């Protein structure tokens, strides 16, 4: 069985639970192993413990080397450091989906090369060995960093069957113009006799390819099949090819010919290609039958690999008599600009009605640019700014005169502040029509979008203002700090309350706190952090240098603002807190004696 980057079915569930599996060559290097690398699950959670490089979860680490890896936040990179360079390779000992305790392996090398130095173009012999029990077989996942020079890792590498301890095979090499090193290793994935999923990875082997070699001749074709071997007019047949031996590194294109192309022709780019290291190729539609075949006909289809001395291999293909009408795609010559349209011959004595592509229109049996069609080009409002409760005259304009029957245009408004009719009709022969936009009273300015739609759309903005402009006053602007006052626009403002013993208006001024004997409260500030700065208060009274503590008394109920010198930021805590954030000042209302700590940044 050929290895195609597969794992035992018992490994699939753990992988879906989070372990990464990539079929690439991983971190192969012909120099020293990587010092740091990344091991993580499919979801990006780091793997912790000792990790065997080159495995499904350690594919970014050097093959056959042990790394010490740590856990961490999701998507942590470079969580592994080189721990031990193994002489042969390493094997896995999973603890959980995110933890392993992998160790070096000391048995027979899992991968042996027939040579480590050869001419490019020569075949390379390889032997894979697994002495550990693998009652369900083992998958041989070959990883090569230069698959262009040593191809076939996905089709030419056999797996190990249950009880089979070793398997030998060959892969082709490419002719090179200068020496090139190719790195190879294998990841043997299996389930042991205890039902535990294991992986065995050797240290990467280095193969040196040298110039001066020649490519082996093209192998002969062993077998050709056409599926199906009988097709109806217009049908297709798929060709599959088997070679007598593996294809050389460049691959083998199969040349296909037909004895009667008028009945069964070869599809361009449909001829099989056998990739380097593989013996099978094909799988694509190769032969196309004509749409009309008067009588059932057998056509000889020939295939050649270019093998010296081998005549083309011929396979019969039967095309039944009859006629399959062409589709519009066939009749028009594909999806193209221009081309024929309308009633076209279907190839069977009838016709087929075909339209055009790309939004083109059919005129005179030929596709071309569609003529312009009537639609909305603009909408205008006069005036465009109105007082709420009044109206504006709207005009819809078309891009050409309306045809017979007129053109209906749909109208809409973005707000109920302005309403328009649901539609308006532009009469035949005319290019515009009017409508009325009616507005309602508003307390603030509104921008309303009026939209017209008919084979296109256009919009205009109607600004609706209040009947009279009024800006409400504020308590501060009126010098008031308690009770309720008018905002000057028909509303009221609440200006707060007084702190005993003062009362609202008690000092003889309406809506101003006064009367009674004011009490005081002490504010203590401790300044820490950046030396040379200080914290001051407004109202004045406090000036505390960093590294000291100061206190001052203020009238109870006073709003005190603390500020750091030189526009510095600070983190405030205590009675005036910034919640851990940096702020240049902090304000508190002093209703009792309190303390504040300032950490100047």
Protein backbone atom coordinates (compact mmCIF):
# COMPACT_ATOMS: atom_id res chain seq x y z
CA UNK A 1 0.00 0.00 0.00
CA UNK A 2 1.33 3.44 -0.94
CA UNK A 3 1.84 6.11 1.71
CA UNK A 4 -0.11 9.29 0.98
CA UNK A 5 0.45 11.29 4.19
CA UNK A 6 -1.94 9.10 6.18
CA UNK A 7 -2.16 8.12 9.82
CA UNK A 8 -3.78 5.15 11.57
CA UNK A 9 -7.50 5.72 12.14
CA UNK A 10 -6.80 5.61 15.89
CA UNK A 11 -4.60 8.69 15.46
CA UNK A 12 -7.25 10.72 13.66
CA UNK A 13 -9.33 11.49 16.77
CA UNK A 14 -6.34 12.85 18.74
CA UNK A 15 -5.38 14.95 15.74
CA UNK A 16 -8.87 16.39 15.43
CA UNK A 17 -8.69 17.13 19.16
CA UNK A 18 -5.82 19.44 18.53
CA UNK A 19 -2.54 17.92 17.32
CA UNK A 20 -1.10 19.51 14.17
CA UNK A 21 -0.45 17.31 11.09
CA UNK A 22 1.11 18.76 7.97
CA UNK A 23 2.34 16.69 5.03
CA UNK A 24 5.23 19.01 4.19
CA UNK A 25 8.88 18.25 4.66
CA UNK A 26 9.00 19.87 8.08
CA UNK A 27 12.15 21.39 9.50
CA UNK A 28 14.76 19.40 7.56
CA UNK A 29 18.25 20.85 7.55
CA UNK A 30 21.60 19.51 6.49
CA UNK A 31 23.37 21.69 9.06
CA UNK A 32 23.09 21.73 12.85
CA UNK A 33 19.57 21.15 14.24
CA UNK A 34 17.43 24.16 15.04
CA UNK A 35 18.10 25.63 18.47
CA UNK A 36 14.49 26.85 18.95
CA UNK A 37 11.24 25.85 17.26
CA UNK A 38 7.47 25.74 17.76
CA UNK A 39 5.31 22.77 18.80
CA UNK A 40 1.59 23.37 19.09
CA UNK A 41 -1.86 21.87 18.48
CA UNK A 42 -4.05 22.56 15.48
CA UNK A 43 -5.85 25.21 17.54
CA UNK A 44 -2.52 26.90 18.37
CA UNK A 45 -2.12 25.68 21.97
CA UNK A 46 1.56 25.04 22.79
CA UNK A 47 2.73 21.46 23.43
CA UNK A 48 4.71 21.05 26.66
CA UNK A 49 7.24 18.43 27.73
CA UNK A 50 9.88 16.72 25.59
CA UNK A 51 8.97 16.76 21.89
CA UNK A 52 10.34 14.59 19.07
CA UNK A 53 11.14 16.82 16.10
CA UNK A 54 9.55 15.89 12.78
CA UNK A 55 6.38 14.44 14.32
CA UNK A 56 2.89 15.68 13.66
CA UNK A 57 3.07 18.23 16.48
CA UNK A 58 6.82 18.87 16.19
CA UNK A 59 6.96 19.25 12.40
CA UNK A 60 8.57 22.71 12.72
CA UNK A 61 11.49 21.22 14.68
CA UNK A 62 14.51 19.34 13.28
CA UNK A 63 13.74 15.67 12.59
CA UNK A 64 14.85 13.02 15.07
CA UNK A 65 15.93 15.55 17.74
CA UNK A 66 14.48 16.01 21.26
CA UNK A 67 13.29 19.47 22.30
CA UNK A 68 12.20 20.74 25.71
CA UNK A 69 8.95 22.63 25.23
CA UNK A 70 6.87 24.78 27.55
CA UNK A 71 3.21 25.67 27.70
CA UNK A 72 1.95 29.21 27.33
CA UNK A 73 -0.73 31.39 25.77
CA UNK A 74 -2.38 30.33 22.55
CA UNK A 75 -0.27 30.82 19.38
CA UNK A 76 2.96 31.16 21.39
CA UNK A 77 5.92 30.84 19.02
CA UNK A 78 9.36 29.30 19.66
CA UNK A 79 8.22 27.55 22.84
CA UNK A 80 10.81 24.77 22.37
CA UNK A 81 14.57 24.68 22.91
CA UNK A 82 17.04 22.02 21.78
CA UNK A 83 17.44 19.44 24.55
CA UNK A 84 19.16 16.33 23.11
CA UNK A 85 20.61 15.36 19.73
CA UNK A 86 19.72 11.71 19.15
CA UNK A 87 22.11 9.43 17.27
CA UNK A 88 19.37 7.44 15.48
CA UNK A 89 16.09 9.27 15.99
CA UNK A 90 13.27 9.71 18.49
CA UNK A 91 9.92 8.16 19.34
CA UNK A 92 6.75 9.60 20.86
CA UNK A 93 5.26 8.98 24.29
CA UNK A 94 2.12 11.17 24.43
CA UNK A 95 0.80 12.14 27.87
CA UNK A 96 -2.19 14.23 26.77
CA UNK A 97 -3.33 16.28 23.79
CA UNK A 98 -0.96 19.10 24.85
CA UNK A 99 1.82 17.25 26.70
CA UNK A 100 4.41 14.64 25.66
CA UNK A 101 7.46 12.90 27.10
CA UNK A 102 9.19 11.81 23.87
CA UNK A 103 12.61 10.13 24.04
CA UNK A 104 15.55 9.20 21.80
CA UNK A 105 15.33 5.90 19.93
CA UNK A 106 18.26 3.45 19.92
CA UNK A 107 17.09 0.59 17.72
CA UNK A 108 17.67 -0.10 14.02
CA UNK A 109 17.61 3.07 11.90
CA UNK A 110 14.04 3.57 10.63
CA UNK A 111 15.38 4.79 7.25
CA UNK A 112 18.43 3.61 5.31
CA UNK A 113 19.60 4.92 1.92
CA UNK A 114 21.38 2.67 -0.58
CA UNK A 115 23.88 5.50 -1.04
CA UNK A 116 24.44 9.02 0.21
CA UNK A 117 26.35 10.17 -2.87
CA UNK A 118 25.26 9.46 -6.45
CA UNK A 119 24.92 10.93 -9.92
CA UNK A 120 21.67 12.78 -10.56
CA UNK A 121 19.41 10.58 -12.68
CA UNK A 122 20.22 7.34 -10.84
CA UNK A 123 17.55 5.58 -8.81
CA UNK A 124 17.85 5.80 -5.03
CA UNK A 125 17.19 2.69 -2.96
CA UNK A 126 15.54 3.13 0.45
CA UNK A 127 14.64 0.73 3.26
CA UNK A 128 12.16 1.52 6.03
CA UNK A 129 12.37 -0.57 9.22
CA UNK A 130 10.02 -0.80 12.22
CA UNK A 131 10.82 -3.51 14.78
CA UNK A 132 8.13 -2.43 17.28
CA UNK A 133 4.83 -4.29 17.15
CA UNK A 134 2.29 -2.68 14.83
CA UNK A 135 -0.69 -5.05 14.61
CA UNK A 136 -2.65 -2.65 12.39
CA UNK A 137 0.27 -1.84 10.08
CA UNK A 138 2.24 1.40 9.90
CA UNK A 139 2.01 4.39 7.59
CA UNK A 140 5.26 5.50 5.98
CA UNK A 141 5.14 9.28 5.67
CA UNK A 142 8.19 10.21 3.58
CA UNK A 143 9.38 13.81 3.87
CA UNK A 144 11.85 15.28 1.36
CA UNK A 145 12.92 18.92 1.23
CA UNK A 146 13.62 18.81 -2.53
CA UNK A 147 10.72 16.91 -4.00
CA UNK A 148 11.65 18.29 -7.41
CA UNK A 149 14.95 16.39 -7.28
CA UNK A 150 13.74 13.24 -5.48
CA UNK A 151 10.01 12.97 -6.26
CA UNK A 152 7.52 10.21 -5.47
CA UNK A 153 7.07 10.71 -1.71
CA UNK A 154 3.27 10.64 -2.16
CA UNK A 155 2.94 7.75 -4.62
CA UNK A 156 6.10 5.65 -4.61
CA UNK A 157 6.51 4.91 -0.89
CA UNK A 158 4.93 1.69 0.45
CA UNK A 159 3.49 1.30 3.93
CA UNK A 160 4.25 -1.55 6.33
CA UNK A 161 1.62 -4.25 6.73
CA UNK A 162 0.88 -5.87 10.11
CA UNK A 163 3.89 -7.94 11.13
CA UNK A 164 6.09 -6.60 8.32
CA UNK A 165 9.26 -5.19 9.90
CA UNK A 166 10.86 -3.66 6.82
CA UNK A 167 10.15 -2.69 3.23
CA UNK A 168 12.50 -1.61 0.45
CA UNK A 169 11.67 0.59 -2.54
CA UNK A 170 13.26 3.03 -4.97
CA UNK A 171 12.72 6.66 -5.91
CA UNK A 172 14.09 8.46 -8.97
CA UNK A 173 16.52 11.37 -8.82
CA UNK A 174 16.83 14.30 -11.20
CA UNK A 175 19.82 15.17 -13.34
CA UNK A 176 21.65 18.16 -11.82
CA UNK A 177 24.20 20.63 -13.18
CA UNK A 178 26.00 21.09 -9.86
CA UNK A 179 26.17 19.17 -6.55
CA UNK A 180 22.98 19.45 -4.52
CA UNK A 181 22.15 18.09 -1.07
CA UNK A 182 18.71 16.58 -0.52
CA UNK A 183 17.43 15.88 3.01
CA UNK A 184 15.09 12.96 3.68
CA UNK A 185 13.42 11.45 6.72
CA UNK A 186 10.39 9.31 7.45
CA UNK A 187 7.67 9.58 10.08
CA UNK A 188 6.40 6.08 10.86
CA UNK A 189 2.90 6.36 12.37
CA UNK A 190 1.39 3.25 13.96
CA UNK A 191 -0.63 1.90 16.89
CA UNK A 192 1.28 -0.45 19.17
CA UNK A 193 0.01 -3.68 20.72
CA UNK A 194 -1.30 -1.75 23.75
CA UNK A 195 -3.44 0.49 21.55
CA UNK A 196 -1.18 3.52 22.04
CA UNK A 197 -0.56 5.77 19.02
CA UNK A 198 3.15 6.07 18.28
CA UNK A 199 5.43 7.88 15.85
CA UNK A 200 9.05 7.05 15.08
CA UNK A 201 11.23 9.67 13.37
CA UNK A 202 14.90 9.21 12.42
CA UNK A 203 17.49 11.95 12.11
CA UNK A 204 17.35 13.33 8.56
CA UNK A 205 19.55 11.56 5.99
CA UNK A 206 21.51 13.66 3.49
CA UNK A 207 21.78 12.57 -0.15
CA UNK A 208 24.28 14.37 -2.39
CA UNK A 209 23.34 14.46 -6.10
CA UNK A 210 26.25 15.11 -8.45
CA UNK A 211 26.35 16.33 -12.06
CA UNK A 212 27.27 14.03 -14.93
CA UNK A 213 24.38 11.62 -14.72
CA UNK A 214 21.72 10.87 -17.33
CA UNK A 215 17.99 10.36 -17.07
CA UNK A 216 16.79 6.78 -17.55
CA UNK A 217 14.70 6.09 -20.66
CA UNK A 218 10.94 6.49 -20.49
CA UNK A 219 9.32 3.31 -19.10
CA UNK A 220 6.93 1.31 -21.24
CA UNK A 221 3.19 1.51 -20.82
CA UNK A 222 1.91 -1.60 -19.06
CA UNK A 223 -1.81 -0.91 -19.20
CA UNK A 224 -4.29 1.65 -20.58
CA UNK A 225 -7.97 1.90 -19.63
CA UNK A 226 -10.76 4.13 -20.94
CA UNK A 227 -13.72 4.76 -18.64
CA UNK A 228 -16.28 4.34 -19.96
CA UNK A 229 -15.23 2.37 -23.01
CA UNK A 230 -18.53 3.18 -24.74
CA UNK A 231 -19.81 6.75 -24.93
CA UNK A 232 -22.70 8.55 -26.59
CA UNK A 233 -22.32 11.47 -28.98
CA UNK A 234 -20.96 14.46 -27.07
CA UNK A 235 -19.74 12.23 -24.22
CA UNK A 236 -16.26 11.99 -22.73
CA UNK A 237 -14.01 9.13 -21.65
CA UNK A 238 -11.29 9.22 -18.97
CA UNK A 239 -7.93 7.61 -19.65
CA UNK A 240 -5.80 5.99 -16.92
CA UNK A 241 -2.27 4.73 -17.60
CA UNK A 242 -0.02 2.29 -15.73
CA UNK A 243 3.72 2.23 -16.47
CA UNK A 244 5.96 -0.81 -16.22
CA UNK A 245 8.17 1.03 -13.70
CA UNK A 246 8.23 4.34 -11.92
CA UNK A 247 8.49 7.51 -14.01
CA UNK A 248 11.81 9.40 -13.94
CA UNK A 249 12.04 12.58 -11.89
CA UNK A 250 10.68 14.88 -14.59
CA UNK A 251 7.55 12.75 -15.02
CA UNK A 252 6.20 11.16 -18.22
CA UNK A 253 3.59 12.93 -20.36
CA UNK A 254 1.47 10.41 -22.28
CA UNK A 255 0.88 11.22 -25.93
CA UNK A 256 -2.67 10.26 -27.01
CA UNK A 257 -3.99 10.04 -30.57
CA UNK A 258 -7.28 8.99 -32.17
CA UNK A 259 -7.72 6.97 -35.35
CA UNK A 260 -10.85 8.98 -36.20
CA UNK A 261 -10.77 12.50 -34.67
CA UNK A 262 -14.01 13.43 -36.45
CA UNK A 263 -15.79 10.88 -34.27
CA UNK A 264 -13.65 10.88 -31.09
CA UNK A 265 -11.01 13.58 -30.60
CA UNK A 266 -8.31 14.09 -27.95
CA UNK A 267 -9.16 16.87 -25.46
CA UNK A 268 -6.51 19.56 -25.25
CA UNK A 269 -4.63 19.36 -21.94
CA UNK A 270 -6.55 16.17 -21.07
CA UNK A 271 -3.74 13.71 -21.82
CA UNK A 272 -2.42 11.79 -18.78
CA UNK A 273 0.75 12.78 -16.93
CA UNK A 274 2.59 10.29 -14.75
CA UNK A 275 4.50 12.21 -12.08
CA UNK A 276 8.07 11.42 -11.13
CA UNK A 277 8.34 8.35 -8.89
CA UNK A 278 4.78 7.22 -9.76
CA UNK A 279 3.57 4.45 -12.06
CA UNK A 280 -0.04 5.62 -12.45
CA UNK A 281 -1.41 8.72 -14.17
CA UNK A 282 -4.63 10.05 -15.64
CA UNK A 283 -8.03 10.63 -14.09
CA UNK A 284 -9.05 13.49 -16.37
CA UNK A 285 -11.39 13.59 -19.36
CA UNK A 286 -9.17 12.65 -22.32
CA UNK A 287 -11.46 11.81 -25.24
CA UNK A 288 -14.46 13.84 -26.49
CA UNK A 289 -17.04 12.28 -28.86
CA UNK A 290 -18.52 14.35 -31.65
CA UNK A 291 -22.06 15.66 -31.06
CA UNK A 292 -23.36 13.89 -34.14
CA UNK A 293 -22.31 10.37 -35.17
CA UNK A 294 -24.35 8.76 -37.99
CA UNK A 295 -23.63 5.16 -36.94
CA UNK A 296 -22.08 3.36 -34.00
CA UNK A 297 -18.33 3.55 -34.58
CA UNK A 298 -15.32 1.98 -32.90
CA UNK A 299 -12.28 4.26 -32.74
CA UNK A 300 -8.75 3.20 -31.84
CA UNK A 301 -7.21 5.36 -29.13
CA UNK A 302 -3.41 5.09 -28.94
CA UNK A 303 -1.18 6.05 -26.03
CA UNK A 304 2.61 6.36 -25.99
CA UNK A 305 5.08 7.07 -23.20
CA UNK A 306 7.98 7.53 -25.62
CA UNK A 307 9.60 4.31 -24.39
CA UNK A 308 12.27 3.13 -26.83
CA UNK A 309 11.09 0.22 -28.95
CA UNK A 310 7.49 0.21 -27.70
CA UNK A 311 4.73 0.81 -30.21
CA UNK A 312 1.78 2.92 -29.02
CA UNK A 313 -0.67 0.94 -26.90
CA UNK A 314 -4.07 0.90 -28.61
CA UNK A 315 -7.42 0.71 -26.84
CA UNK A 316 -10.83 0.58 -28.59
CA UNK A 317 -13.48 3.19 -27.80
CA UNK A 318 -17.05 2.76 -29.02
CA UNK A 319 -19.14 5.82 -29.86
CA UNK A 320 -22.83 5.06 -30.32
CA UNK A 321 -24.72 6.53 -33.26
CA UNK A 322 -27.01 9.47 -32.74
CA UNK A 323 -26.90 13.19 -32.13
CA UNK A 324 -26.63 15.22 -28.97
CA UNK A 325 -27.74 18.84 -29.49
CA UNK A 326 -25.08 21.41 -28.79
CA UNK A 327 -25.45 23.71 -25.82
CA UNK A 328 -25.36 27.48 -26.17
CA UNK A 329 -21.86 27.39 -24.75
CA UNK A 330 -20.79 25.14 -27.65
CA UNK A 331 -22.84 27.00 -30.25
CA UNK A 332 -21.38 30.36 -29.24
CA UNK A 333 -17.81 29.07 -29.00
CA UNK A 334 -17.56 29.42 -25.23
CA UNK A 335 -18.16 32.29 -22.83
CA UNK A 336 -16.93 35.21 -24.92
CA UNK A 337 -17.57 38.86 -25.68
CA UNK A 338 -19.49 39.24 -28.90
CA UNK A 339 -20.23 36.10 -30.89
CA UNK A 340 -23.46 34.79 -32.40
CA UNK A 341 -26.79 34.81 -30.58
CA UNK A 342 -30.47 34.17 -31.18
CA UNK A 343 -31.62 30.95 -32.89
CA UNK A 344 -28.42 28.99 -33.59
CA UNK A 345 -28.01 25.54 -35.17
CA UNK A 346 -27.92 22.82 -32.52
CA UNK A 347 -25.90 20.44 -34.70
CA UNK A 348 -28.75 17.96 -34.94
CA UNK A 349 -30.95 19.67 -37.53
CA UNK A 350 -32.70 21.94 -35.05
CA UNK A 351 -32.00 25.28 -33.41
CA UNK A 352 -31.28 26.51 -29.91
CA UNK A 353 -32.08 29.98 -28.56
CA UNK A 354 -28.92 31.55 -27.10
CA UNK A 355 -28.48 34.84 -25.31
CA UNK A 356 -25.33 36.81 -24.57
CA UNK A 357 -22.80 36.97 -21.73
CA UNK A 358 -21.29 39.87 -19.78
CA UNK A 359 -24.51 41.92 -19.86
CA UNK A 360 -24.36 42.26 -23.63
CA UNK A 361 -27.48 42.40 -25.80
CA UNK A 362 -28.39 40.41 -28.91
CA UNK A 363 -28.99 42.52 -32.00
CA UNK A 364 -29.00 41.22 -35.58
CA UNK A 365 -27.79 37.79 -34.47
CA UNK A 366 -24.66 39.21 -32.85
CA UNK A 367 -23.87 40.02 -29.21
CA UNK A 368 -22.72 43.55 -28.47
CA UNK A 369 -22.92 46.33 -25.92
CA UNK A 370 -26.44 46.71 -24.55
CA UNK A 371 -28.13 49.97 -25.53
CA UNK A 372 -28.70 52.41 -22.68
CA UNK A 373 -32.00 51.96 -20.86
CA UNK A 374 -34.13 54.62 -19.23
CA UNK A 375 -33.50 55.17 -15.53
CA UNK A 376 -33.13 57.76 -12.78
CA UNK A 377 -30.14 60.07 -13.18
CA UNK A 378 -30.81 62.78 -10.55
CA UNK A 379 -33.16 64.09 -7.87
CA UNK A 380 -33.25 67.70 -6.64
CA UNK A 381 -35.02 69.65 -3.86
CA UNK A 382 -35.96 73.34 -3.91
CA UNK A 383 -35.36 74.71 -1.39
CA UNK A 384 -32.89 72.19 0.06
CA UNK A 385 -33.17 73.79 3.55
CA UNK A 386 -36.57 74.39 5.14
CA UNK A 387 -38.12 75.16 8.52
CA UNK A 388 -39.93 72.22 10.07
CA UNK A 389 -43.61 72.26 9.09
CA UNK A 390 -43.01 73.65 5.59
CA UNK A 391 -42.45 71.78 2.30
CA UNK A 392 -39.93 71.51 -0.53
CA UNK A 393 -40.52 70.94 -4.25
CA UNK A 394 -38.72 67.83 -5.51
CA UNK A 395 -37.82 66.91 -9.10
CA UNK A 396 -36.87 63.48 -10.45
CA UNK A 397 -34.82 63.49 -13.67
CA UNK A 398 -34.30 60.53 -16.06
CA UNK A 399 -31.29 59.89 -18.28
CA UNK A 400 -33.53 59.96 -21.39
CA UNK A 401 -37.13 60.60 -22.35
CA UNK A 402 -39.63 58.16 -20.89
CA UNK A 403 -40.98 55.57 -23.39
CA UNK A 404 -44.62 54.94 -24.15
CA UNK A 405 -46.56 54.35 -20.95
CA UNK A 406 -44.20 56.49 -18.89
CA UNK A 407 -41.72 55.41 -16.19
CA UNK A 408 -42.62 54.83 -12.56
CA UNK A 409 -40.06 56.04 -9.99
CA UNK A 410 -40.10 54.89 -6.37
CA UNK A 411 -39.46 57.55 -3.69
CA UNK A 412 -38.32 57.11 -0.10
CA UNK A 413 -37.22 59.22 2.88
CA UNK A 414 -34.62 58.32 5.51
CA UNK A 415 -36.70 59.93 8.30
CA UNK A 416 -40.33 60.54 9.23
CA UNK A 417 -39.37 64.20 9.66
CA UNK A 418 -39.84 64.53 5.88
CA UNK A 419 -42.43 62.49 3.95
CA UNK A 420 -42.69 61.94 0.19
CA UNK A 421 -45.13 60.04 -2.06
CA UNK A 422 -44.36 56.35 -2.52
CA UNK A 423 -43.87 56.87 -6.25
CA UNK A 424 -44.18 59.33 -9.11
CA UNK A 425 -44.66 58.73 -12.86
CA UNK A 426 -42.60 60.48 -15.52
CA UNK A 427 -44.98 60.82 -18.52
CA UNK A 428 -44.07 59.38 -21.92
CA UNK A 429 -41.72 61.65 -23.84
CA UNK A 430 -40.76 63.61 -20.71
CA UNK A 431 -37.48 63.46 -18.77
CA UNK A 432 -38.67 64.68 -15.35
CA UNK A 433 -41.54 64.77 -12.91
CA UNK A 434 -42.19 66.72 -9.70
CA UNK A 435 -43.23 65.74 -6.17
CA UNK A 436 -43.62 67.42 -2.78
CA UNK A 437 -41.59 66.68 0.35
CA UNK A 438 -43.59 67.64 3.45
CA UNK A 439 -41.85 68.20 6.80
CA UNK A 440 -42.95 68.27 10.43
CA UNK A 441 -41.85 70.59 13.27
CA UNK A 442 -38.54 69.70 14.88
CA UNK A 443 -36.63 70.82 17.98
CA UNK A 444 -33.22 70.28 16.40
CA UNK A 445 -31.79 70.37 12.89
CA UNK A 446 -32.34 67.12 10.89
CA UNK A 447 -30.63 66.06 7.65
CA UNK A 448 -33.05 63.84 5.68
CA UNK A 449 -32.05 61.87 2.57
CA UNK A 450 -34.66 61.66 -0.20
CA UNK A 451 -34.01 58.80 -2.66
CA UNK A 452 -35.49 58.07 -6.10
CA UNK A 453 -35.14 54.58 -7.66
CA UNK A 454 -35.87 53.20 -11.11
CA UNK A 455 -33.18 51.27 -13.02
CA UNK A 456 -30.69 53.16 -10.90
CA UNK A 457 -30.97 55.55 -7.99
CA UNK A 458 -30.20 59.12 -7.00
CA UNK A 459 -30.43 60.98 -3.69
CA UNK A 460 -30.62 64.52 -2.32
CA UNK A 461 -30.40 65.85 1.25
CA UNK A 462 -33.15 68.04 2.75
CA UNK A 463 -32.12 70.02 5.83
CA UNK A 464 -35.00 70.62 8.28
CA UNK A 465 -34.41 73.33 10.94
CA UNK A 466 -36.41 74.19 14.10
CA UNK A 467 -38.94 76.99 13.79
CA UNK A 468 -36.81 79.22 16.05
CA UNK A 469 -33.27 78.79 17.25
CA UNK A 470 -32.80 78.67 21.03
CA UNK A 471 -29.67 77.71 23.01
CA UNK A 472 -30.47 76.66 26.61
CA UNK A 473 -28.52 78.42 29.34
CA UNK A 474 -26.62 76.65 32.17
CA UNK A 475 -26.57 76.94 35.97
CA UNK A 476 -22.96 78.09 35.86
CA UNK A 477 -23.74 80.76 33.27
CA UNK A 478 -26.43 82.14 35.57
CA UNK A 479 -24.26 81.88 38.70
CA UNK A 480 -26.68 79.46 40.37
CA UNK A 481 -25.73 76.35 42.41
CA UNK A 482 -28.98 75.08 43.91
CA UNK A 483 -32.67 74.65 43.15
CA UNK A 484 -34.29 74.78 39.70
CA UNK A 485 -34.16 77.60 37.14
CA UNK A 486 -35.48 78.14 33.62
CA UNK A 487 -33.21 77.10 30.73
CA UNK A 488 -34.46 80.04 28.67
CA UNK A 489 -36.07 77.78 26.08
CA UNK A 490 -39.17 76.65 27.92
CA UNK A 491 -37.44 74.01 30.01
CA UNK A 492 -35.93 73.84 33.50
CA UNK A 493 -32.47 73.17 34.93
CA UNK A 494 -31.66 71.49 38.27
CA UNK A 495 -28.69 73.28 39.85
CA UNK A 496 -28.10 70.94 42.80
CA UNK A 497 -28.48 71.29 46.59
CA UNK A 498 -26.63 72.95 49.48
CA UNK A 499 -24.54 71.42 52.26
CA UNK A 500 -25.72 72.14 55.80
CA UNK A 501 -25.77 74.52 57.48
CA UNK A 502 -26.16 76.50 54.23
CA UNK A 503 -29.53 76.60 52.49
CA UNK A 504 -30.64 77.53 48.99
CA UNK A 505 -31.11 81.29 48.96
CA UNK A 506 -30.08 81.48 52.65
CA UNK A 507 -27.59 84.25 51.88
CA UNK A 508 -30.21 86.41 50.24
CA UNK A 509 -29.47 85.41 46.65
CA UNK A 510 -32.04 83.23 44.90
CA UNK A 511 -30.74 79.79 43.86
CA UNK A 512 -27.40 80.39 45.56
CA UNK A 513 -26.32 78.53 48.72
CA UNK A 514 -25.76 80.78 51.74
CA UNK A 515 -26.54 81.53 55.39
CA UNK A 516 -25.50 79.56 58.46
CA UNK A 517 -21.93 78.91 59.55
CA UNK A 518 -19.94 76.89 57.06
CA UNK A 519 -18.00 73.88 58.43
CA UNK A 520 -14.62 72.77 57.15
CA UNK A 521 -13.09 69.39 56.26
CA UNK A 522 -9.43 68.43 56.04
CA UNK A 523 -7.87 67.02 52.84
CA UNK A 524 -4.59 65.10 53.22
CA UNK A 525 -2.46 64.37 50.12
CA UNK A 526 0.50 61.96 49.96
CA UNK A 527 2.63 62.36 46.79
CA UNK A 528 4.85 59.48 45.55
CA UNK A 529 6.63 58.57 42.32
CA UNK A 530 8.65 60.91 40.07
CA UNK A 531 10.84 63.20 42.18
CA UNK A 532 10.94 66.94 41.53
CA UNK A 533 7.19 67.18 40.86
CA UNK A 534 4.42 68.41 43.16
CA UNK A 535 0.64 68.25 43.56
CA UNK A 536 -1.40 71.45 44.01
CA UNK A 537 -5.06 72.14 44.72
CA UNK A 538 -7.73 74.41 43.31
CA UNK A 539 -9.00 76.26 45.34
CA UNK A 540 -5.49 76.99 46.59
CA UNK A 541 -4.36 75.55 49.89
CA UNK A 542 -2.31 72.47 49.09
CA UNK A 543 1.16 72.21 47.51
CA UNK A 544 2.73 68.82 48.22
CA UNK A 545 6.15 67.81 46.84
CA UNK A 546 6.68 64.20 45.73
CA UNK A 547 7.95 62.19 48.68
CA UNK A 548 6.00 64.22 51.28
CA UNK A 549 2.48 64.49 52.76
CA UNK A 550 0.49 67.70 53.21
CA UNK A 551 -2.94 68.71 54.54
CA UNK A 552 -5.29 71.68 54.22
CA UNK A 553 -8.85 72.52 55.30
CA UNK A 554 -11.58 73.58 52.89
CA UNK A 555 -15.22 74.53 53.34
CA UNK A 556 -17.28 71.37 53.52
CA UNK A 557 -18.99 70.76 50.18
CA UNK A 558 -16.18 72.41 48.19
CA UNK A 559 -15.18 70.75 44.91
CA UNK A 560 -11.38 70.47 45.06
CA UNK A 561 -9.28 69.71 41.95
CA UNK A 562 -5.81 68.20 42.44
CA UNK A 563 -3.26 68.67 39.63
CA UNK A 564 0.29 67.42 39.00
CA UNK A 565 2.98 69.94 38.02
CA UNK A 566 4.44 70.07 34.50
CA UNK A 567 1.33 68.45 33.03
CA UNK A 568 2.44 65.05 34.39
CA UNK A 569 0.16 62.00 34.52
CA UNK A 570 -0.56 60.28 37.84
CA UNK A 571 -2.43 57.28 39.20
CA UNK A 572 -4.86 58.49 41.87
CA UNK A 573 -6.21 56.45 44.78
CA UNK A 574 -8.10 56.98 48.01
CA UNK A 575 -10.93 59.51 48.19
CA UNK A 576 -10.11 60.60 44.61
CA UNK A 577 -9.47 57.52 42.46
CA UNK A 578 -8.58 57.11 38.78
CA UNK A 579 -9.31 53.38 38.88
CA UNK A 580 -5.73 52.49 38.04
CA UNK A 581 -5.68 54.73 34.95
CA UNK A 582 -3.30 57.62 34.33
CA UNK A 583 -4.88 61.11 34.71
CA UNK A 584 -3.37 64.58 34.91
CA UNK A 585 -5.87 65.76 37.58
CA UNK A 586 -8.57 64.47 39.88
CA UNK A 587 -11.61 66.28 41.35
CA UNK A 588 -13.55 65.38 44.51
CA UNK A 589 -16.28 67.05 46.59
CA UNK A 590 -15.03 67.44 50.16
CA UNK A 591 -17.90 66.41 52.46
CA UNK A 592 -15.64 65.04 55.24
CA UNK A 593 -11.98 64.78 56.11
CA UNK A 594 -10.33 62.39 53.62
CA UNK A 595 -6.95 61.31 52.24
CA UNK A 596 -5.66 60.95 48.66
CA UNK A 597 -2.52 59.18 47.42
CA UNK A 598 -0.94 60.40 44.16
CA UNK A 599 1.62 58.26 42.27
CA UNK A 600 3.25 60.69 39.80
CA UNK A 601 4.37 58.99 36.57
